[in-house]
């Protein structure tokens, strides 16, 4: 990440000791008004949304996004959890992971409303 990057990236440990690749987009020139946990769709990764997430942050909304279990860098990167692989996930694991993400964000931004936003397989 460069100092001009619109996001910070991190590897965070979630359910079942899985290491998740994450990106957080924060408002820079406006007050924080809300926070979103964004969950990408089937066969995707969070990098696909790097044109959209900065525009949300510009409106005063923090965006926390992660490559889901079995997808993106969480499944393929050299820092991935041992045993992780592309497509290796389950409905129960995904629900636990979303709960973890919501808890993670709500503990960091507990003074603003929190929303869940998903695409494709997550937009229930």
Protein backbone atom coordinates (compact mmCIF):
# COMPACT_ATOMS: atom_id res chain seq x y z
CA UNK A 1 0.00 0.00 0.00
CA UNK A 2 1.24 3.46 -0.80
CA UNK A 3 0.40 6.63 1.12
CA UNK A 4 -1.90 7.58 -1.78
CA UNK A 5 -3.84 4.34 -1.55
CA UNK A 6 -7.53 4.79 -0.73
CA UNK A 7 -7.44 1.79 1.63
CA UNK A 8 -5.41 0.02 4.27
CA UNK A 9 -4.95 -3.70 3.99
CA UNK A 10 -4.49 -6.28 6.71
CA UNK A 11 -4.58 -9.99 7.38
CA UNK A 12 -7.00 -10.66 10.25
CA UNK A 13 -7.66 -13.96 11.98
CA UNK A 14 -11.32 -14.95 11.96
CA UNK A 15 -13.38 -18.06 12.67
CA UNK A 16 -11.57 -21.41 12.64
CA UNK A 17 -8.27 -19.49 12.79
CA UNK A 18 -8.66 -18.54 9.12
CA UNK A 19 -6.53 -15.60 8.00
CA UNK A 20 -8.65 -13.19 5.96
CA UNK A 21 -7.25 -10.63 3.56
CA UNK A 22 -9.05 -7.33 4.32
CA UNK A 23 -9.24 -3.79 3.03
CA UNK A 24 -10.63 -0.81 4.93
CA UNK A 25 -11.61 2.41 3.19
CA UNK A 26 -12.02 5.40 5.52
CA UNK A 27 -13.38 8.89 4.89
CA UNK A 28 -10.53 11.40 4.59
CA UNK A 29 -12.09 14.84 4.31
CA UNK A 30 -15.55 14.29 5.77
CA UNK A 31 -16.83 13.10 9.15
CA UNK A 32 -17.59 9.42 9.67
CA UNK A 33 -21.36 8.89 9.29
CA UNK A 34 -21.71 5.10 9.03
CA UNK A 35 -19.83 1.87 8.41
CA UNK A 36 -20.41 -0.95 5.93
CA UNK A 37 -19.23 -4.55 5.94
CA UNK A 38 -19.04 -5.44 2.26
CA UNK A 39 -19.12 -9.09 1.18
CA UNK A 40 -18.26 -9.91 -2.44
CA UNK A 41 -20.02 -12.36 -4.72
CA UNK A 42 -19.33 -15.89 -5.93
CA UNK A 43 -15.97 -16.36 -7.62
CA UNK A 44 -14.94 -12.77 -6.86
CA UNK A 45 -12.52 -10.90 -4.63
CA UNK A 46 -12.54 -7.46 -3.01
CA UNK A 47 -10.16 -5.97 -5.56
CA UNK A 48 -13.01 -6.09 -8.05
CA UNK A 49 -14.71 -3.27 -6.14
CA UNK A 50 -11.79 -0.87 -5.78
CA UNK A 51 -13.52 1.57 -8.14
CA UNK A 52 -16.64 1.64 -5.93
CA UNK A 53 -15.43 1.54 -2.31
CA UNK A 54 -13.48 4.84 -2.42
CA UNK A 55 -16.59 6.68 -3.63
CA UNK A 56 -18.52 5.32 -0.64
CA UNK A 57 -15.77 6.46 1.76
CA UNK A 58 -15.87 9.93 0.19
CA UNK A 59 -19.47 10.18 1.43
CA UNK A 60 -18.41 9.59 5.04
CA UNK A 61 -18.95 5.84 5.17
CA UNK A 62 -16.19 3.46 6.27
CA UNK A 63 -16.03 0.28 4.18
CA UNK A 64 -14.60 -2.97 5.55
CA UNK A 65 -14.24 -5.64 2.86
CA UNK A 66 -12.61 -9.05 2.97
CA UNK A 67 -11.85 -11.86 0.57
CA UNK A 68 -14.21 -14.59 1.68
CA UNK A 69 -13.09 -18.02 2.78
CA UNK A 70 -12.29 -19.92 -0.42
CA UNK A 71 -11.90 -16.81 -2.59
CA UNK A 72 -9.34 -14.17 -3.57
CA UNK A 73 -6.18 -13.75 -1.54
CA UNK A 74 -7.75 -15.50 1.46
CA UNK A 75 -7.68 -18.70 -0.63
CA UNK A 76 -4.68 -18.13 -2.87
CA UNK A 77 -2.13 -15.81 -1.27
CA UNK A 78 1.12 -17.00 0.28
CA UNK A 79 -0.16 -15.74 3.67
CA UNK A 80 -3.32 -17.87 3.51
CA UNK A 81 -4.27 -20.32 6.22
CA UNK A 82 -2.91 -23.83 5.74
CA UNK A 83 -5.62 -25.96 4.15
CA UNK A 84 -7.32 -23.02 2.44
CA UNK A 85 -8.00 -23.40 -1.24
CA UNK A 86 -10.13 -21.86 -3.93
CA UNK A 87 -13.82 -22.63 -3.50
CA UNK A 88 -13.35 -24.39 -0.15
CA UNK A 89 -16.18 -23.00 1.98
CA UNK A 90 -19.65 -23.80 3.30
CA UNK A 91 -22.85 -21.94 4.10
CA UNK A 92 -22.22 -22.30 7.86
CA UNK A 93 -18.64 -21.05 7.55
CA UNK A 94 -19.76 -18.08 5.47
CA UNK A 95 -22.41 -17.10 8.02
CA UNK A 96 -19.86 -17.37 10.85
CA UNK A 97 -17.40 -15.28 8.82
CA UNK A 98 -19.99 -12.56 8.17
CA UNK A 99 -20.86 -12.45 11.88
CA UNK A 100 -17.15 -12.13 12.66
CA UNK A 101 -16.78 -9.25 10.19
CA UNK A 102 -19.82 -7.45 11.62
CA UNK A 103 -18.48 -7.88 15.17
CA UNK A 104 -15.03 -6.66 14.11
CA UNK A 105 -16.40 -3.49 12.52
CA UNK A 106 -19.01 -2.77 15.19
CA UNK A 107 -16.29 -2.84 17.86
CA UNK A 108 -14.20 -0.31 15.92
CA UNK A 109 -17.01 2.02 14.88
CA UNK A 110 -19.53 1.72 17.69
CA UNK A 111 -20.79 5.32 17.48
CA UNK A 112 -22.20 5.13 13.92
CA UNK A 113 -24.79 2.91 12.19
CA UNK A 114 -23.48 -0.36 10.77
CA UNK A 115 -24.75 -1.89 7.52
CA UNK A 116 -24.16 -5.17 5.71
CA UNK A 117 -23.84 -4.96 1.93
CA UNK A 118 -23.38 -7.92 -0.35
CA UNK A 119 -23.29 -8.84 -4.00
CA UNK A 120 -24.33 -11.97 -5.85
CA UNK A 121 -24.35 -14.98 -3.50
CA UNK A 122 -24.38 -12.73 -0.43
CA UNK A 123 -27.28 -10.45 -1.33
CA UNK A 124 -29.96 -12.35 0.53
